[in-house]
Amino acid sequence: MLLAGWTAAAVSHAMPQREEPAAGSVVEHSPDLVQIWFDAELEPGLCSLRVVDGHENQVSRGKAEVDPANPSLLKASMLPLPVGVYRVYWRVLSKDGHITQGDYRFTVRTK
């Protein structure tokens, strides 16, 4: 019974369902946005998404935001990116009060 309760609690955490650019992907051109869709609604103003280059310099513009039209979408606008590997760090608070975080990489192939 205790295990069943733990499993239900773990399922309620907001987890990524899709990313653009996708985790591990190679994109031809610099993206204008990095977007992550989650399986739960997020708390606006209490979530972060930061993109850094290979030297840990931030290349995303300003603060990320939860999309007002889709409260499960977190997005950040990007500076123009040169060829290279980039890391996306995200941390979200879902409407049910659970915090999750993670990171992934993508590669820009051409300017």
C-alpha atoms as a PDB file:
ATOM      1  CA  MET A   1       0.000   0.000   0.000  1.00  0.00           C
ATOM      2  CA  LEU A   2       2.823   2.406   0.857  1.00  0.00           C
ATOM      3  CA  LEU A   3       4.535   1.628  -2.455  1.00  0.00           C
ATOM      4  CA  ALA A   4       1.335   2.381  -4.367  1.00  0.00           C
ATOM      5  CA  GLY A   5       1.156   5.830  -2.743  1.00  0.00           C
ATOM      6  CA  TRP A   6       4.766   6.557  -3.632  1.00  0.00           C
ATOM      7  CA  THR A   7       4.190   5.543  -7.242  1.00  0.00           C
ATOM      8  CA  ALA A   8       1.169   7.828  -7.541  1.00  0.00           C
ATOM      9  CA  ALA A   9       3.166  10.744  -6.111  1.00  0.00           C
ATOM     10  CA  ALA A  10       6.038  10.133  -8.535  1.00  0.00           C
ATOM     11  CA  VAL A  11       3.654  10.121 -11.488  1.00  0.00           C
ATOM     12  CA  SER A  12       2.258  13.539 -10.526  1.00  0.00           C
ATOM     13  CA  HIS A  13       5.598  15.324 -11.065  1.00  0.00           C
ATOM     14  CA  ALA A  14       5.806  17.411 -14.249  1.00  0.00           C
ATOM     15  CA  MET A  15       8.055  15.582 -16.703  1.00  0.00           C
ATOM     16  CA  PRO A  16       9.049  16.611 -20.241  1.00  0.00           C
ATOM     17  CA  GLN A  17       7.002  15.057 -23.031  1.00  0.00           C
ATOM     18  CA  ARG A  18       8.715  16.778 -25.948  1.00  0.00           C
ATOM     19  CA  GLU A  19      11.501  19.287 -26.538  1.00  0.00           C
ATOM     20  CA  GLU A  20      12.325  21.603 -29.430  1.00  0.00           C
ATOM     21  CA  PRO A  21      15.122  21.230 -30.325  1.00  0.00           C
ATOM     22  CA  ALA A  22      14.857  17.635 -29.176  1.00  0.00           C
ATOM     23  CA  ALA A  23      17.262  16.104 -26.678  1.00  0.00           C
ATOM     24  CA  GLY A  24      20.334  14.803 -28.495  1.00  0.00           C
ATOM     25  CA  SER A  25      19.259  16.302 -31.815  1.00  0.00           C
ATOM     26  CA  VAL A  26      21.405  17.982 -34.444  1.00  0.00           C
ATOM     27  CA  VAL A  27      19.673  21.024 -35.932  1.00  0.00           C
ATOM     28  CA  GLU A  28      20.713  22.680 -39.176  1.00  0.00           C
ATOM     29  CA  HIS A  29      20.231  26.274 -38.001  1.00  0.00           C
ATOM     30  CA  SER A  30      20.142  28.274 -34.791  1.00  0.00           C
ATOM     31  CA  PRO A  31      16.685  27.963 -33.186  1.00  0.00           C
ATOM     32  CA  ASP A  32      14.740  31.117 -32.278  1.00  0.00           C
ATOM     33  CA  LEU A  33      13.195  29.346 -29.268  1.00  0.00           C
ATOM     34  CA  VAL A  34      13.871  26.405 -27.010  1.00  0.00           C
ATOM     35  CA  GLN A  35      10.580  24.880 -25.889  1.00  0.00           C
ATOM     36  CA  ILE A  36       9.711  22.028 -23.547  1.00  0.00           C
ATOM     37  CA  TRP A  37       6.211  20.568 -23.253  1.00  0.00           C
ATOM     38  CA  PHE A  38       5.431  18.907 -19.915  1.00  0.00           C
ATOM     39  CA  ASP A  39       2.770  16.402 -18.861  1.00  0.00           C
ATOM     40  CA  ALA A  40       1.343  18.773 -16.219  1.00  0.00           C
ATOM     41  CA  GLU A  41       0.466  22.441 -15.851  1.00  0.00           C
ATOM     42  CA  LEU A  42       3.303  24.641 -14.598  1.00  0.00           C
ATOM     43  CA  GLU A  43       3.365  27.544 -12.146  1.00  0.00           C
ATOM     44  CA  PRO A  44       4.187  30.714 -14.140  1.00  0.00           C
ATOM     45  CA  GLY A  45       7.049  32.737 -12.681  1.00  0.00           C
ATOM     46  CA  LEU A  46       8.420  29.765 -10.720  1.00  0.00           C
ATOM     47  CA  CYS A  47      10.029  27.842 -13.583  1.00  0.00           C
ATOM     48  CA  SER A  48      13.355  28.295 -15.330  1.00  0.00           C
ATOM     49  CA  LEU A  49      14.920  27.255 -18.612  1.00  0.00           C
ATOM     50  CA  ARG A  50      18.489  28.266 -19.340  1.00  0.00           C
ATOM     51  CA  VAL A  51      20.587  27.395 -22.385  1.00  0.00           C
ATOM     52  CA  VAL A  52      24.385  27.569 -22.224  1.00  0.00           C
ATOM     53  CA  ASP A  53      27.230  27.053 -24.655  1.00  0.00           C
ATOM     54  CA  GLY A  54      30.247  24.789 -24.172  1.00  0.00           C
ATOM     55  CA  HIS A  55      31.827  27.355 -21.828  1.00  0.00           C
ATOM     56  CA  GLU A  56      28.671  27.616 -19.664  1.00  0.00           C
ATOM     57  CA  ASN A  57      27.881  31.098 -21.046  1.00  0.00           C
ATOM     58  CA  GLN A  58      24.140  31.727 -21.173  1.00  0.00           C
ATOM     59  CA  VAL A  59      22.818  31.991 -24.741  1.00  0.00           C
ATOM     60  CA  SER A  60      19.101  32.162 -23.959  1.00  0.00           C
ATOM     61  CA  ARG A  61      17.602  35.661 -23.734  1.00  0.00           C
ATOM     62  CA  GLY A  62      16.226  36.810 -20.403  1.00  0.00           C
ATOM     63  CA  LYS A  63      13.840  34.701 -18.353  1.00  0.00           C
ATOM     64  CA  ALA A  64      11.973  31.713 -19.671  1.00  0.00           C
ATOM     65  CA  GLU A  65       8.196  31.847 -19.530  1.00  0.00           C
ATOM     66  CA  VAL A  66       5.269  29.504 -19.268  1.00  0.00           C
ATOM     67  CA  ASP A  67       3.061  30.007 -22.324  1.00  0.00           C
ATOM     68  CA  PRO A  68      -0.198  31.712 -21.214  1.00  0.00           C
ATOM     69  CA  ALA A  69      -2.150  29.786 -23.882  1.00  0.00           C
ATOM     70  CA  ASN A  70      -0.608  26.435 -22.898  1.00  0.00           C
ATOM     71  CA  PRO A  71       0.379  26.197 -19.195  1.00  0.00           C
ATOM     72  CA  SER A  72       2.348  22.989 -19.791  1.00  0.00           C
ATOM     73  CA  LEU A  73       4.776  24.703 -22.226  1.00  0.00           C
ATOM     74  CA  LEU A  74       7.976  26.370 -21.003  1.00  0.00           C
ATOM     75  CA  LYS A  75       9.930  28.408 -23.549  1.00  0.00           C
ATOM     76  CA  ALA A  76      12.918  30.720 -23.857  1.00  0.00           C
ATOM     77  CA  SER A  77      13.992  32.900 -26.767  1.00  0.00           C
ATOM     78  CA  MET A  78      17.522  32.458 -28.046  1.00  0.00           C
ATOM     79  CA  LEU A  79      20.422  34.592 -29.171  1.00  0.00           C
ATOM     80  CA  PRO A  80      21.774  33.592 -32.605  1.00  0.00           C
ATOM     81  CA  LEU A  81      23.873  30.479 -32.005  1.00  0.00           C
ATOM     82  CA  PRO A  82      27.071  29.565 -33.813  1.00  0.00           C
ATOM     83  CA  VAL A  83      27.955  25.976 -34.640  1.00  0.00           C
ATOM     84  CA  GLY A  84      28.387  23.987 -31.438  1.00  0.00           C
ATOM     85  CA  VAL A  85      26.895  21.904 -28.656  1.00  0.00           C
ATOM     86  CA  TYR A  86      24.429  23.528 -26.252  1.00  0.00           C
ATOM     87  CA  ARG A  87      23.023  22.393 -22.935  1.00  0.00           C
ATOM     88  CA  VAL A  88      19.492  23.133 -21.749  1.00  0.00           C
ATOM     89  CA  TYR A  89      18.890  23.272 -17.991  1.00  0.00           C
ATOM     90  CA  TRP A  90      15.279  23.295 -16.806  1.00  0.00           C
ATOM     91  CA  ARG A  91      13.551  23.413 -13.432  1.00  0.00           C
ATOM     92  CA  VAL A  92       9.786  23.544 -13.024  1.00  0.00           C
ATOM     93  CA  LEU A  93       7.171  23.708 -10.319  1.00  0.00           C
ATOM     94  CA  SER A  94       3.947  22.001 -11.318  1.00  0.00           C
ATOM     95  CA  LYS A  95       0.524  23.220 -10.212  1.00  0.00           C
ATOM     96  CA  ASP A  96       0.387  20.281  -7.760  1.00  0.00           C
ATOM     97  CA  GLY A  97       3.461  21.674  -5.940  1.00  0.00           C
ATOM     98  CA  HIS A  98       6.158  19.244  -7.121  1.00  0.00           C
ATOM     99  CA  ILE A  99       9.546  20.432  -8.391  1.00  0.00           C
ATOM    100  CA  THR A 100      11.398  18.566 -11.124  1.00  0.00           C
ATOM    101  CA  GLN A 101      14.570  19.457 -12.981  1.00  0.00           C
ATOM    102  CA  GLY A 102      16.860  18.131 -15.642  1.00  0.00           C
ATOM    103  CA  ASP A 103      19.031  18.953 -18.596  1.00  0.00           C
ATOM    104  CA  TYR A 104      19.801  17.808 -22.117  1.00  0.00           C
ATOM    105  CA  ARG A 105      22.020  18.720 -25.064  1.00  0.00           C
ATOM    106  CA  PHE A 106      21.489  19.591 -28.695  1.00  0.00           C
ATOM    107  CA  THR A 107      23.905  20.552 -31.488  1.00  0.00           C
ATOM    108  CA  VAL A 108      23.735  23.359 -34.053  1.00  0.00           C
ATOM    109  CA  ARG A 109      25.350  22.185 -37.287  1.00  0.00           C
ATOM    110  CA  THR A 110      25.442  25.440 -39.352  1.00  0.00           C
ATOM    111  CA  LYS A 111      24.841  29.152 -38.821  1.00  0.00           C
END
